[in-house]
């Protein structure tokens, strides 16, 4: 048997081919009753759209490019889940481009890279204000920032200053010396992130307002081995009992492992506060700042989809705020 076509669906539903196409593209300009007729015809015929024909007919790629630092951390896996769920619902494919080194960063600023052949672009985490101001970033197609903020661009971002402040206010009330571990994520001087800088600013401001000071600060790159090495160095130096703000749960988890390996009791000998509330945090009793990561990704996708759907208004900023979850480690 031949495969049903879009014309077959249109005939069965009693509508034009254009109406079927609008339903397939989730276009708003279709009445509810008509949409139901088309969807029922699609189900009855077991019709599957031809993605190649769809692209050719519409003059669009139906692909979204996502440029992000890495794809191997829990945070970015969760963020991609939020982005992809919204894009897939709107029948867009997602192409992922991890920015791993300077040569790749520079290549993505070029004029003919694959990333810019998509209908829309999502830039994740990096502070791109300077690039937009200098017009170095090609953004002829709709662009949205997520986990980052820049004026004049649609963005969905976390208020990391507030998250750091909440951590600092809570840590300041706990006894013992205070320590902090920050993440070094700057790949080069071209693309930077303000995420951990903002967490640090909020945390230090809260301590200052409470009359407390940090005894020492440590920095780790964003991988498990570096995090464990820094945890070792911190506990070698620390005066116990103490409180440590680890600015990402990955760092907090490494500190918990090292503390337990030394026979220390988290929550008593060393109090640990993380940031992210990763899926494993509750099971480990980690006190941490919860981030609605998937929701932030989903909202960023909706901002981009509205541009693709015809919105031409001013840039919009969607702000998300972390909140503290107190568990056994602090």
C-alpha atoms as a PDB file:
ATOM      1  CA  UNK A   1       0.000   0.000   0.000  1.00  0.00           C
ATOM      2  CA  UNK A   2       1.223   3.496  -0.775  1.00  0.00           C
ATOM      3  CA  UNK A   3       1.882   5.849   2.112  1.00  0.00           C
ATOM      4  CA  UNK A   4      -0.858   8.446   2.720  1.00  0.00           C
ATOM      5  CA  UNK A   5      -0.017  12.001   1.623  1.00  0.00           C
ATOM      6  CA  UNK A   6      -0.899  15.414   2.938  1.00  0.00           C
ATOM      7  CA  UNK A   7      -3.464  15.634   0.112  1.00  0.00           C
ATOM      8  CA  UNK A   8      -5.150  12.468   1.449  1.00  0.00           C
ATOM      9  CA  UNK A   9      -5.368  14.046   4.903  1.00  0.00           C
ATOM     10  CA  UNK A  10      -6.842  17.237   3.452  1.00  0.00           C
ATOM     11  CA  UNK A  11      -9.503  15.310   1.495  1.00  0.00           C
ATOM     12  CA  UNK A  12     -10.487  13.208   4.498  1.00  0.00           C
ATOM     13  CA  UNK A  13     -10.751  16.236   6.781  1.00  0.00           C
ATOM     14  CA  UNK A  14     -12.528  18.323   4.135  1.00  0.00           C
ATOM     15  CA  UNK A  15     -10.022  21.157   4.283  1.00  0.00           C
ATOM     16  CA  UNK A  16      -7.274  22.573   2.120  1.00  0.00           C
ATOM     17  CA  UNK A  17      -3.676  21.371   2.120  1.00  0.00           C
ATOM     18  CA  UNK A  18      -2.603  24.706   3.619  1.00  0.00           C
ATOM     19  CA  UNK A  19      -4.819  24.104   6.643  1.00  0.00           C
ATOM     20  CA  UNK A  20      -3.263  20.690   7.192  1.00  0.00           C
ATOM     21  CA  UNK A  21       0.175  22.262   6.940  1.00  0.00           C
ATOM     22  CA  UNK A  22      -0.750  24.886   9.542  1.00  0.00           C
ATOM     23  CA  UNK A  23      -1.966  22.180  11.910  1.00  0.00           C
ATOM     24  CA  UNK A  24       1.265  20.221  11.421  1.00  0.00           C
ATOM     25  CA  UNK A  25       3.254  23.372  12.187  1.00  0.00           C
ATOM     26  CA  UNK A  26       1.127  24.090  15.265  1.00  0.00           C
ATOM     27  CA  UNK A  27       0.085  27.452  13.810  1.00  0.00           C
ATOM     28  CA  UNK A  28      -2.275  29.466  15.995  1.00  0.00           C
ATOM     29  CA  UNK A  29      -4.503  30.571  13.085  1.00  0.00           C
ATOM     30  CA  UNK A  30      -6.562  27.356  12.969  1.00  0.00           C
ATOM     31  CA  UNK A  31      -9.933  26.994  14.680  1.00  0.00           C
ATOM     32  CA  UNK A  32     -10.135  24.351  17.374  1.00  0.00           C
ATOM     33  CA  UNK A  33     -12.818  22.313  15.621  1.00  0.00           C
ATOM     34  CA  UNK A  34     -10.899  22.362  12.344  1.00  0.00           C
ATOM     35  CA  UNK A  35      -7.702  21.347  14.109  1.00  0.00           C
ATOM     36  CA  UNK A  36      -9.498  18.363  15.658  1.00  0.00           C
ATOM     37  CA  UNK A  37     -10.808  17.270  12.238  1.00  0.00           C
ATOM     38  CA  UNK A  38      -7.313  17.374  10.777  1.00  0.00           C
ATOM     39  CA  UNK A  39      -5.750  15.557  13.725  1.00  0.00           C
ATOM     40  CA  UNK A  40      -8.415  12.851  13.516  1.00  0.00           C
ATOM     41  CA  UNK A  41      -7.745  12.423   9.779  1.00  0.00           C
ATOM     42  CA  UNK A  42      -4.025  12.137  10.476  1.00  0.00           C
ATOM     43  CA  UNK A  43      -4.722   9.439  13.075  1.00  0.00           C
ATOM     44  CA  UNK A  44      -7.181   7.564  10.849  1.00  0.00           C
ATOM     45  CA  UNK A  45      -4.734   7.465   7.937  1.00  0.00           C
ATOM     46  CA  UNK A  46      -1.672   6.901  10.124  1.00  0.00           C
ATOM     47  CA  UNK A  47      -0.094   9.788   8.249  1.00  0.00           C
ATOM     48  CA  UNK A  48       3.561  10.682   8.925  1.00  0.00           C
ATOM     49  CA  UNK A  49       4.835  13.990   7.507  1.00  0.00           C
ATOM     50  CA  UNK A  50       7.835  13.855   5.184  1.00  0.00           C
ATOM     51  CA  UNK A  51      10.371  16.109   6.918  1.00  0.00           C
ATOM     52  CA  UNK A  52      12.338  16.743   3.699  1.00  0.00           C
ATOM     53  CA  UNK A  53       9.257  17.781   1.765  1.00  0.00           C
ATOM     54  CA  UNK A  54       8.188  19.932   4.701  1.00  0.00           C
ATOM     55  CA  UNK A  55      11.486  21.777   4.696  1.00  0.00           C
ATOM     56  CA  UNK A  56      11.495  22.318   0.928  1.00  0.00           C
ATOM     57  CA  UNK A  57       7.880  23.468   0.821  1.00  0.00           C
ATOM     58  CA  UNK A  58       8.236  25.865   3.726  1.00  0.00           C
ATOM     59  CA  UNK A  59      11.652  27.268   2.901  1.00  0.00           C
ATOM     60  CA  UNK A  60      12.700  26.552   6.472  1.00  0.00           C
ATOM     61  CA  UNK A  61      15.035  24.057   8.099  1.00  0.00           C
ATOM     62  CA  UNK A  62      12.791  23.377  11.123  1.00  0.00           C
ATOM     63  CA  UNK A  63      16.011  23.131  13.095  1.00  0.00           C
ATOM     64  CA  UNK A  64      17.209  25.121  16.102  1.00  0.00           C
ATOM     65  CA  UNK A  65      20.934  25.444  16.855  1.00  0.00           C
ATOM     66  CA  UNK A  66      21.946  25.373  20.527  1.00  0.00           C
ATOM     67  CA  UNK A  67      25.444  26.660  21.351  1.00  0.00           C
ATOM     68  CA  UNK A  68      26.524  25.802  24.907  1.00  0.00           C
ATOM     69  CA  UNK A  69      29.763  25.309  26.859  1.00  0.00           C
ATOM     70  CA  UNK A  70      29.635  21.512  27.290  1.00  0.00           C
ATOM     71  CA  UNK A  71      27.063  18.722  27.195  1.00  0.00           C
ATOM     72  CA  UNK A  72      28.473  16.469  29.896  1.00  0.00           C
ATOM     73  CA  UNK A  73      27.294  18.169  33.102  1.00  0.00           C
ATOM     74  CA  UNK A  74      23.986  17.571  34.845  1.00  0.00           C
ATOM     75  CA  UNK A  75      23.013  21.232  34.598  1.00  0.00           C
ATOM     76  CA  UNK A  76      23.274  21.314  30.810  1.00  0.00           C
ATOM     77  CA  UNK A  77      21.567  17.939  30.404  1.00  0.00           C
ATOM     78  CA  UNK A  78      18.618  19.310  32.386  1.00  0.00           C
ATOM     79  CA  UNK A  79      18.631  22.588  30.468  1.00  0.00           C
ATOM     80  CA  UNK A  80      18.610  20.724  27.146  1.00  0.00           C
ATOM     81  CA  UNK A  81      15.668  18.656  28.369  1.00  0.00           C
ATOM     82  CA  UNK A  82      13.704  21.859  28.917  1.00  0.00           C
ATOM     83  CA  UNK A  83      14.669  23.293  25.537  1.00  0.00           C
ATOM     84  CA  UNK A  84      14.094  20.103  23.556  1.00  0.00           C
ATOM     85  CA  UNK A  85      10.694  19.356  25.095  1.00  0.00           C
ATOM     86  CA  UNK A  86       9.348  22.697  23.873  1.00  0.00           C
ATOM     87  CA  UNK A  87      10.998  22.556  20.451  1.00  0.00           C
ATOM     88  CA  UNK A  88       9.910  18.969  19.792  1.00  0.00           C
ATOM     89  CA  UNK A  89       6.342  19.856  20.718  1.00  0.00           C
ATOM     90  CA  UNK A  90       6.517  22.543  18.016  1.00  0.00           C
ATOM     91  CA  UNK A  91       8.066  20.003  15.593  1.00  0.00           C
ATOM     92  CA  UNK A  92      11.543  21.529  15.506  1.00  0.00           C
ATOM     93  CA  UNK A  93      14.713  19.465  15.628  1.00  0.00           C
ATOM     94  CA  UNK A  94      17.608  20.562  17.842  1.00  0.00           C
ATOM     95  CA  UNK A  95      21.259  20.654  16.719  1.00  0.00           C
ATOM     96  CA  UNK A  96      23.748  20.905  19.591  1.00  0.00           C
ATOM     97  CA  UNK A  97      27.083  22.692  19.237  1.00  0.00           C
ATOM     98  CA  UNK A  98      29.344  22.472  22.331  1.00  0.00           C
ATOM     99  CA  UNK A  99      31.892  25.289  22.634  1.00  0.00           C
ATOM    100  CA  UNK A 100      34.920  23.356  23.822  1.00  0.00           C
ATOM    101  CA  UNK A 101      37.936  25.450  22.878  1.00  0.00           C
ATOM    102  CA  UNK A 102      39.014  28.787  21.460  1.00  0.00           C
ATOM    103  CA  UNK A 103      39.312  27.594  17.864  1.00  0.00           C
ATOM    104  CA  UNK A 104      35.729  26.404  17.931  1.00  0.00           C
ATOM    105  CA  UNK A 105      34.573  29.644  19.522  1.00  0.00           C
ATOM    106  CA  UNK A 106      36.211  31.629  16.763  1.00  0.00           C
ATOM    107  CA  UNK A 107      34.785  29.337  14.101  1.00  0.00           C
ATOM    108  CA  UNK A 108      31.264  29.917  15.359  1.00  0.00           C
ATOM    109  CA  UNK A 109      31.749  33.633  14.828  1.00  0.00           C
ATOM    110  CA  UNK A 110      32.385  32.960  11.132  1.00  0.00           C
ATOM    111  CA  UNK A 111      29.832  33.553   8.439  1.00  0.00           C
ATOM    112  CA  UNK A 112      29.306  30.078   6.999  1.00  0.00           C
ATOM    113  CA  UNK A 113      29.170  27.676   9.934  1.00  0.00           C
ATOM    114  CA  UNK A 114      26.462  25.033  10.130  1.00  0.00           C
ATOM    115  CA  UNK A 115      25.097  26.482  13.383  1.00  0.00           C
ATOM    116  CA  UNK A 116      23.751  29.528  11.535  1.00  0.00           C
ATOM    117  CA  UNK A 117      21.850  27.532   8.914  1.00  0.00           C
ATOM    118  CA  UNK A 118      19.077  26.846  11.417  1.00  0.00           C
ATOM    119  CA  UNK A 119      15.859  28.846  11.750  1.00  0.00           C
ATOM    120  CA  UNK A 120      16.772  30.027  15.236  1.00  0.00           C
ATOM    121  CA  UNK A 121      19.692  30.165  17.628  1.00  0.00           C
ATOM    122  CA  UNK A 122      19.958  29.490  21.368  1.00  0.00           C
ATOM    123  CA  UNK A 123      23.100  30.726  23.137  1.00  0.00           C
ATOM    124  CA  UNK A 124      23.615  29.189  26.584  1.00  0.00           C
ATOM    125  CA  UNK A 125      25.350  30.688  29.662  1.00  0.00           C
ATOM    126  CA  UNK A 126      27.894  32.985  28.026  1.00  0.00           C
ATOM    127  CA  UNK A 127      27.921  36.748  28.483  1.00  0.00           C
ATOM    128  CA  UNK A 128      27.523  37.971  24.914  1.00  0.00           C
ATOM    129  CA  UNK A 129      26.844  41.659  25.564  1.00  0.00           C
ATOM    130  CA  UNK A 130      30.142  42.791  24.062  1.00  0.00           C
ATOM    131  CA  UNK A 131      29.741  40.600  20.991  1.00  0.00           C
ATOM    132  CA  UNK A 132      26.277  41.960  20.297  1.00  0.00           C
ATOM    133  CA  UNK A 133      27.427  45.540  20.805  1.00  0.00           C
ATOM    134  CA  UNK A 134      30.372  45.017  18.429  1.00  0.00           C
ATOM    135  CA  UNK A 135      28.120  43.202  15.938  1.00  0.00           C
ATOM    136  CA  UNK A 136      30.562  40.279  15.937  1.00  0.00           C
ATOM    137  CA  UNK A 137      27.808  37.747  16.531  1.00  0.00           C
ATOM    138  CA  UNK A 138      25.757  36.788  13.495  1.00  0.00           C
ATOM    139  CA  UNK A 139      22.164  36.983  14.648  1.00  0.00           C
ATOM    140  CA  UNK A 140      20.212  37.531  11.458  1.00  0.00           C
ATOM    141  CA  UNK A 141      17.924  34.720  12.574  1.00  0.00           C
ATOM    142  CA  UNK A 142      15.935  34.936  15.832  1.00  0.00           C
ATOM    143  CA  UNK A 143      18.227  34.449  18.832  1.00  0.00           C
ATOM    144  CA  UNK A 144      17.570  33.792  22.513  1.00  0.00           C
ATOM    145  CA  UNK A 145      19.954  33.639  25.453  1.00  0.00           C
ATOM    146  CA  UNK A 146      19.406  31.182  28.283  1.00  0.00           C
ATOM    147  CA  UNK A 147      21.226  31.172  31.626  1.00  0.00           C
ATOM    148  CA  UNK A 148      22.573  34.559  30.525  1.00  0.00           C
ATOM    149  CA  UNK A 149      21.377  38.140  30.120  1.00  0.00           C
ATOM    150  CA  UNK A 150      22.109  40.876  27.572  1.00  0.00           C
ATOM    151  CA  UNK A 151      20.123  43.976  26.737  1.00  0.00           C
ATOM    152  CA  UNK A 152      18.253  43.966  23.464  1.00  0.00           C
ATOM    153  CA  UNK A 153      18.055  40.164  23.191  1.00  0.00           C
ATOM    154  CA  UNK A 154      15.341  37.766  24.341  1.00  0.00           C
ATOM    155  CA  UNK A 155      16.677  35.897  27.368  1.00  0.00           C
ATOM    156  CA  UNK A 156      15.697  33.553  30.194  1.00  0.00           C
ATOM    157  CA  UNK A 157      18.126  33.739  33.091  1.00  0.00           C
ATOM    158  CA  UNK A 158      18.665  32.795  36.718  1.00  0.00           C
ATOM    159  CA  UNK A 159      19.122  35.520  39.330  1.00  0.00           C
ATOM    160  CA  UNK A 160      22.443  34.206  40.586  1.00  0.00           C
ATOM    161  CA  UNK A 161      23.126  37.265  42.741  1.00  0.00           C
ATOM    162  CA  UNK A 162      20.012  36.485  44.759  1.00  0.00           C
ATOM    163  CA  UNK A 163      21.025  32.818  44.989  1.00  0.00           C
ATOM    164  CA  UNK A 164      24.458  33.757  46.301  1.00  0.00           C
ATOM    165  CA  UNK A 165      22.919  36.190  48.763  1.00  0.00           C
ATOM    166  CA  UNK A 166      20.549  33.528  50.129  1.00  0.00           C
ATOM    167  CA  UNK A 167      23.476  31.144  50.583  1.00  0.00           C
ATOM    168  CA  UNK A 168      25.511  33.858  52.308  1.00  0.00           C
ATOM    169  CA  UNK A 169      22.727  34.889  54.671  1.00  0.00           C
ATOM    170  CA  UNK A 170      22.227  31.291  55.730  1.00  0.00           C
ATOM    171  CA  UNK A 171      25.950  30.492  56.043  1.00  0.00           C
ATOM    172  CA  UNK A 172      26.482  33.613  58.159  1.00  0.00           C
ATOM    173  CA  UNK A 173      24.151  32.228  60.823  1.00  0.00           C
ATOM    174  CA  UNK A 174      26.133  29.000  61.197  1.00  0.00           C
ATOM    175  CA  UNK A 175      29.035  28.660  63.655  1.00  0.00           C
ATOM    176  CA  UNK A 176      32.675  28.088  62.732  1.00  0.00           C
ATOM    177  CA  UNK A 177      34.925  29.403  59.998  1.00  0.00           C
ATOM    178  CA  UNK A 178      33.516  30.080  56.527  1.00  0.00           C
ATOM    179  CA  UNK A 179      35.018  28.821  53.252  1.00  0.00           C
ATOM    180  CA  UNK A 180      33.912  28.961  49.612  1.00  0.00           C
ATOM    181  CA  UNK A 181      34.679  27.085  46.391  1.00  0.00           C
ATOM    182  CA  UNK A 182      34.138  28.850  43.073  1.00  0.00           C
ATOM    183  CA  UNK A 183      34.052  27.495  39.544  1.00  0.00           C
ATOM    184  CA  UNK A 184      36.550  28.647  36.941  1.00  0.00           C
ATOM    185  CA  UNK A 185      34.649  28.459  33.639  1.00  0.00           C
ATOM    186  CA  UNK A 186      36.159  31.171  31.448  1.00  0.00           C
ATOM    187  CA  UNK A 187      37.261  29.477  28.228  1.00  0.00           C
ATOM    188  CA  UNK A 188      39.037  32.579  26.980  1.00  0.00           C
ATOM    189  CA  UNK A 189      38.708  36.346  26.949  1.00  0.00           C
ATOM    190  CA  UNK A 190      36.133  36.272  24.147  1.00  0.00           C
ATOM    191  CA  UNK A 191      33.273  34.367  25.729  1.00  0.00           C
ATOM    192  CA  UNK A 192      32.836  34.702  29.481  1.00  0.00           C
ATOM    193  CA  UNK A 193      30.118  33.775  31.950  1.00  0.00           C
ATOM    194  CA  UNK A 194      28.897  35.938  34.801  1.00  0.00           C
ATOM    195  CA  UNK A 195      27.092  33.085  36.545  1.00  0.00           C
ATOM    196  CA  UNK A 196      29.680  32.306  39.224  1.00  0.00           C
ATOM    197  CA  UNK A 197      30.878  35.885  39.452  1.00  0.00           C
ATOM    198  CA  UNK A 198      27.313  36.873  40.352  1.00  0.00           C
ATOM    199  CA  UNK A 199      26.944  34.060  42.894  1.00  0.00           C
ATOM    200  CA  UNK A 200      30.186  35.195  44.505  1.00  0.00           C
ATOM    201  CA  UNK A 201      29.066  38.834  44.574  1.00  0.00           C
ATOM    202  CA  UNK A 202      25.767  37.958  46.257  1.00  0.00           C
ATOM    203  CA  UNK A 203      27.439  35.634  48.754  1.00  0.00           C
ATOM    204  CA  UNK A 204      30.139  38.116  49.765  1.00  0.00           C
ATOM    205  CA  UNK A 205      27.635  40.970  50.076  1.00  0.00           C
ATOM    206  CA  UNK A 206      25.513  38.889  52.431  1.00  0.00           C
ATOM    207  CA  UNK A 207      28.532  38.018  54.584  1.00  0.00           C
ATOM    208  CA  UNK A 208      29.575  41.669  54.719  1.00  0.00           C
ATOM    209  CA  UNK A 209      26.076  42.677  55.764  1.00  0.00           C
ATOM    210  CA  UNK A 210      26.208  40.088  58.539  1.00  0.00           C
ATOM    211  CA  UNK A 211      29.667  41.102  59.742  1.00  0.00           C
ATOM    212  CA  UNK A 212      31.209  37.764  58.719  1.00  0.00           C
ATOM    213  CA  UNK A 213      34.270  37.099  56.548  1.00  0.00           C
ATOM    214  CA  UNK A 214      35.608  34.189  54.527  1.00  0.00           C
ATOM    215  CA  UNK A 215      38.647  32.501  55.991  1.00  0.00           C
ATOM    216  CA  UNK A 216      39.678  31.209  52.543  1.00  0.00           C
ATOM    217  CA  UNK A 217      38.409  30.809  48.979  1.00  0.00           C
ATOM    218  CA  UNK A 218      39.233  28.058  46.477  1.00  0.00           C
ATOM    219  CA  UNK A 219      38.707  27.699  42.734  1.00  0.00           C
ATOM    220  CA  UNK A 220      38.138  24.519  40.735  1.00  0.00           C
ATOM    221  CA  UNK A 221      37.588  23.856  37.067  1.00  0.00           C
ATOM    222  CA  UNK A 222      34.288  22.198  36.295  1.00  0.00           C
ATOM    223  CA  UNK A 223      35.203  18.498  36.373  1.00  0.00           C
ATOM    224  CA  UNK A 224      35.058  15.771  39.003  1.00  0.00           C
ATOM    225  CA  UNK A 225      38.816  15.255  39.451  1.00  0.00           C
ATOM    226  CA  UNK A 226      39.532  18.963  39.896  1.00  0.00           C
ATOM    227  CA  UNK A 227      36.636  19.235  42.346  1.00  0.00           C
ATOM    228  CA  UNK A 228      37.977  16.357  44.464  1.00  0.00           C
ATOM    229  CA  UNK A 229      41.496  17.835  44.459  1.00  0.00           C
ATOM    230  CA  UNK A 230      40.178  21.181  45.689  1.00  0.00           C
ATOM    231  CA  UNK A 231      38.062  19.448  48.330  1.00  0.00           C
ATOM    232  CA  UNK A 232      41.238  17.728  49.556  1.00  0.00           C
ATOM    233  CA  UNK A 233      43.143  21.012  49.710  1.00  0.00           C
ATOM    234  CA  UNK A 234      40.310  22.757  51.561  1.00  0.00           C
ATOM    235  CA  UNK A 235      39.920  20.073  54.224  1.00  0.00           C
ATOM    236  CA  UNK A 236      43.707  19.882  54.684  1.00  0.00           C
ATOM    237  CA  UNK A 237      43.633  23.557  55.628  1.00  0.00           C
ATOM    238  CA  UNK A 238      40.227  23.973  57.278  1.00  0.00           C
ATOM    239  CA  UNK A 239      39.657  24.667  60.945  1.00  0.00           C
ATOM    240  CA  UNK A 240      36.821  22.378  62.006  1.00  0.00           C
ATOM    241  CA  UNK A 241      33.942  22.666  62.456  1.00  0.00           C
ATOM    242  CA  UNK A 242      33.409  24.884  59.431  1.00  0.00           C
ATOM    243  CA  UNK A 243      30.862  25.838  56.792  1.00  0.00           C
ATOM    244  CA  UNK A 244      31.604  25.663  53.051  1.00  0.00           C
ATOM    245  CA  UNK A 245      29.616  27.238  50.250  1.00  0.00           C
ATOM    246  CA  UNK A 246      30.312  25.204  47.102  1.00  0.00           C
ATOM    247  CA  UNK A 247      28.987  27.294  44.220  1.00  0.00           C
ATOM    248  CA  UNK A 248      27.858  24.221  42.242  1.00  0.00           C
ATOM    249  CA  UNK A 249      26.537  20.863  43.446  1.00  0.00           C
ATOM    250  CA  UNK A 250      29.319  19.075  41.558  1.00  0.00           C
ATOM    251  CA  UNK A 251      31.793  20.747  43.938  1.00  0.00           C
ATOM    252  CA  UNK A 252      29.596  20.076  46.952  1.00  0.00           C
ATOM    253  CA  UNK A 253      29.349  16.381  46.088  1.00  0.00           C
ATOM    254  CA  UNK A 254      33.136  16.077  45.841  1.00  0.00           C
ATOM    255  CA  UNK A 255      33.499  17.779  49.223  1.00  0.00           C
ATOM    256  CA  UNK A 256      31.012  15.378  50.809  1.00  0.00           C
ATOM    257  CA  UNK A 257      32.931  12.409  49.381  1.00  0.00           C
ATOM    258  CA  UNK A 258      36.242  13.702  50.706  1.00  0.00           C
ATOM    259  CA  UNK A 259      34.798  14.530  54.120  1.00  0.00           C
ATOM    260  CA  UNK A 260      33.269  11.084  54.553  1.00  0.00           C
ATOM    261  CA  UNK A 261      36.479   9.481  53.323  1.00  0.00           C
ATOM    262  CA  UNK A 262      38.239  11.186  56.241  1.00  0.00           C
ATOM    263  CA  UNK A 263      35.666   9.999  58.757  1.00  0.00           C
ATOM    264  CA  UNK A 264      34.127  13.470  59.109  1.00  0.00           C
ATOM    265  CA  UNK A 265      30.405  13.962  59.585  1.00  0.00           C
ATOM    266  CA  UNK A 266      28.762  16.364  57.104  1.00  0.00           C
ATOM    267  CA  UNK A 267      26.421  18.693  58.939  1.00  0.00           C
ATOM    268  CA  UNK A 268      28.581  18.573  62.085  1.00  0.00           C
ATOM    269  CA  UNK A 269      32.307  18.660  61.326  1.00  0.00           C
ATOM    270  CA  UNK A 270      31.823  20.347  57.977  1.00  0.00           C
ATOM    271  CA  UNK A 271      28.600  21.987  56.858  1.00  0.00           C
ATOM    272  CA  UNK A 272      28.135  22.044  53.098  1.00  0.00           C
ATOM    273  CA  UNK A 273      25.869  24.321  51.038  1.00  0.00           C
ATOM    274  CA  UNK A 274      25.623  23.675  47.297  1.00  0.00           C
ATOM    275  CA  UNK A 275      23.953  25.375  44.356  1.00  0.00           C
ATOM    276  CA  UNK A 276      21.752  23.703  41.680  1.00  0.00           C
ATOM    277  CA  UNK A 277      19.696  21.055  43.537  1.00  0.00           C
ATOM    278  CA  UNK A 278      20.684  18.329  41.107  1.00  0.00           C
ATOM    279  CA  UNK A 279      18.503  15.188  41.047  1.00  0.00           C
ATOM    280  CA  UNK A 280      20.843  13.358  43.462  1.00  0.00           C
ATOM    281  CA  UNK A 281      21.010  16.210  46.003  1.00  0.00           C
ATOM    282  CA  UNK A 282      17.988  15.138  48.062  1.00  0.00           C
ATOM    283  CA  UNK A 283      19.233  11.548  48.410  1.00  0.00           C
ATOM    284  CA  UNK A 284      22.564  12.847  49.763  1.00  0.00           C
ATOM    285  CA  UNK A 285      20.876  15.289  52.124  1.00  0.00           C
ATOM    286  CA  UNK A 286      22.571  18.270  50.488  1.00  0.00           C
ATOM    287  CA  UNK A 287      21.538  21.741  51.544  1.00  0.00           C
ATOM    288  CA  UNK A 288      21.494  23.677  48.284  1.00  0.00           C
ATOM    289  CA  UNK A 289      19.938  26.411  46.164  1.00  0.00           C
ATOM    290  CA  UNK A 290      17.233  24.961  43.938  1.00  0.00           C
ATOM    291  CA  UNK A 291      17.190  26.169  40.324  1.00  0.00           C
ATOM    292  CA  UNK A 292      14.171  25.595  38.035  1.00  0.00           C
ATOM    293  CA  UNK A 293      16.551  24.620  35.231  1.00  0.00           C
ATOM    294  CA  UNK A 294      14.132  22.743  32.977  1.00  0.00           C
ATOM    295  CA  UNK A 295      11.550  25.534  33.338  1.00  0.00           C
ATOM    296  CA  UNK A 296      14.144  28.128  32.355  1.00  0.00           C
ATOM    297  CA  UNK A 297      15.030  26.127  29.239  1.00  0.00           C
ATOM    298  CA  UNK A 298      11.395  25.668  28.320  1.00  0.00           C
ATOM    299  CA  UNK A 299      10.702  29.395  28.683  1.00  0.00           C
ATOM    300  CA  UNK A 300      13.712  30.274  26.518  1.00  0.00           C
ATOM    301  CA  UNK A 301      12.383  27.944  23.825  1.00  0.00           C
ATOM    302  CA  UNK A 302       8.963  29.591  23.988  1.00  0.00           C
ATOM    303  CA  UNK A 303      10.542  33.024  23.525  1.00  0.00           C
ATOM    304  CA  UNK A 304      12.312  31.811  20.393  1.00  0.00           C
ATOM    305  CA  UNK A 305       9.242  30.024  19.043  1.00  0.00           C
ATOM    306  CA  UNK A 306       7.198  33.203  19.412  1.00  0.00           C
ATOM    307  CA  UNK A 307       9.792  35.035  17.269  1.00  0.00           C
ATOM    308  CA  UNK A 308       9.596  32.274  14.684  1.00  0.00           C
ATOM    309  CA  UNK A 309       5.819  32.600  14.815  1.00  0.00           C
ATOM    310  CA  UNK A 310       5.930  36.283  13.877  1.00  0.00           C
ATOM    311  CA  UNK A 311       6.493  38.275  17.088  1.00  0.00           C
ATOM    312  CA  UNK A 312       8.421  41.457  16.220  1.00  0.00           C
ATOM    313  CA  UNK A 313       8.170  43.335  19.510  1.00  0.00           C
ATOM    314  CA  UNK A 314      10.913  44.481  21.901  1.00  0.00           C
ATOM    315  CA  UNK A 315      13.288  42.068  23.617  1.00  0.00           C
ATOM    316  CA  UNK A 316      11.900  40.221  26.622  1.00  0.00           C
ATOM    317  CA  UNK A 317      13.705  39.059  29.753  1.00  0.00           C
ATOM    318  CA  UNK A 318      12.413  36.185  31.895  1.00  0.00           C
ATOM    319  CA  UNK A 319      14.021  36.122  35.347  1.00  0.00           C
ATOM    320  CA  UNK A 320      14.075  32.975  37.505  1.00  0.00           C
ATOM    321  CA  UNK A 321      14.996  32.997  41.182  1.00  0.00           C
ATOM    322  CA  UNK A 322      16.648  30.150  43.146  1.00  0.00           C
ATOM    323  CA  UNK A 323      15.448  29.244  46.624  1.00  0.00           C
ATOM    324  CA  UNK A 324      17.260  27.599  49.518  1.00  0.00           C
ATOM    325  CA  UNK A 325      16.451  23.992  50.487  1.00  0.00           C
ATOM    326  CA  UNK A 326      17.846  23.085  53.899  1.00  0.00           C
ATOM    327  CA  UNK A 327      18.847  19.440  54.377  1.00  0.00           C
ATOM    328  CA  UNK A 328      21.208  17.430  56.621  1.00  0.00           C
ATOM    329  CA  UNK A 329      24.557  18.738  55.307  1.00  0.00           C
ATOM    330  CA  UNK A 330      23.913  22.212  56.735  1.00  0.00           C
END
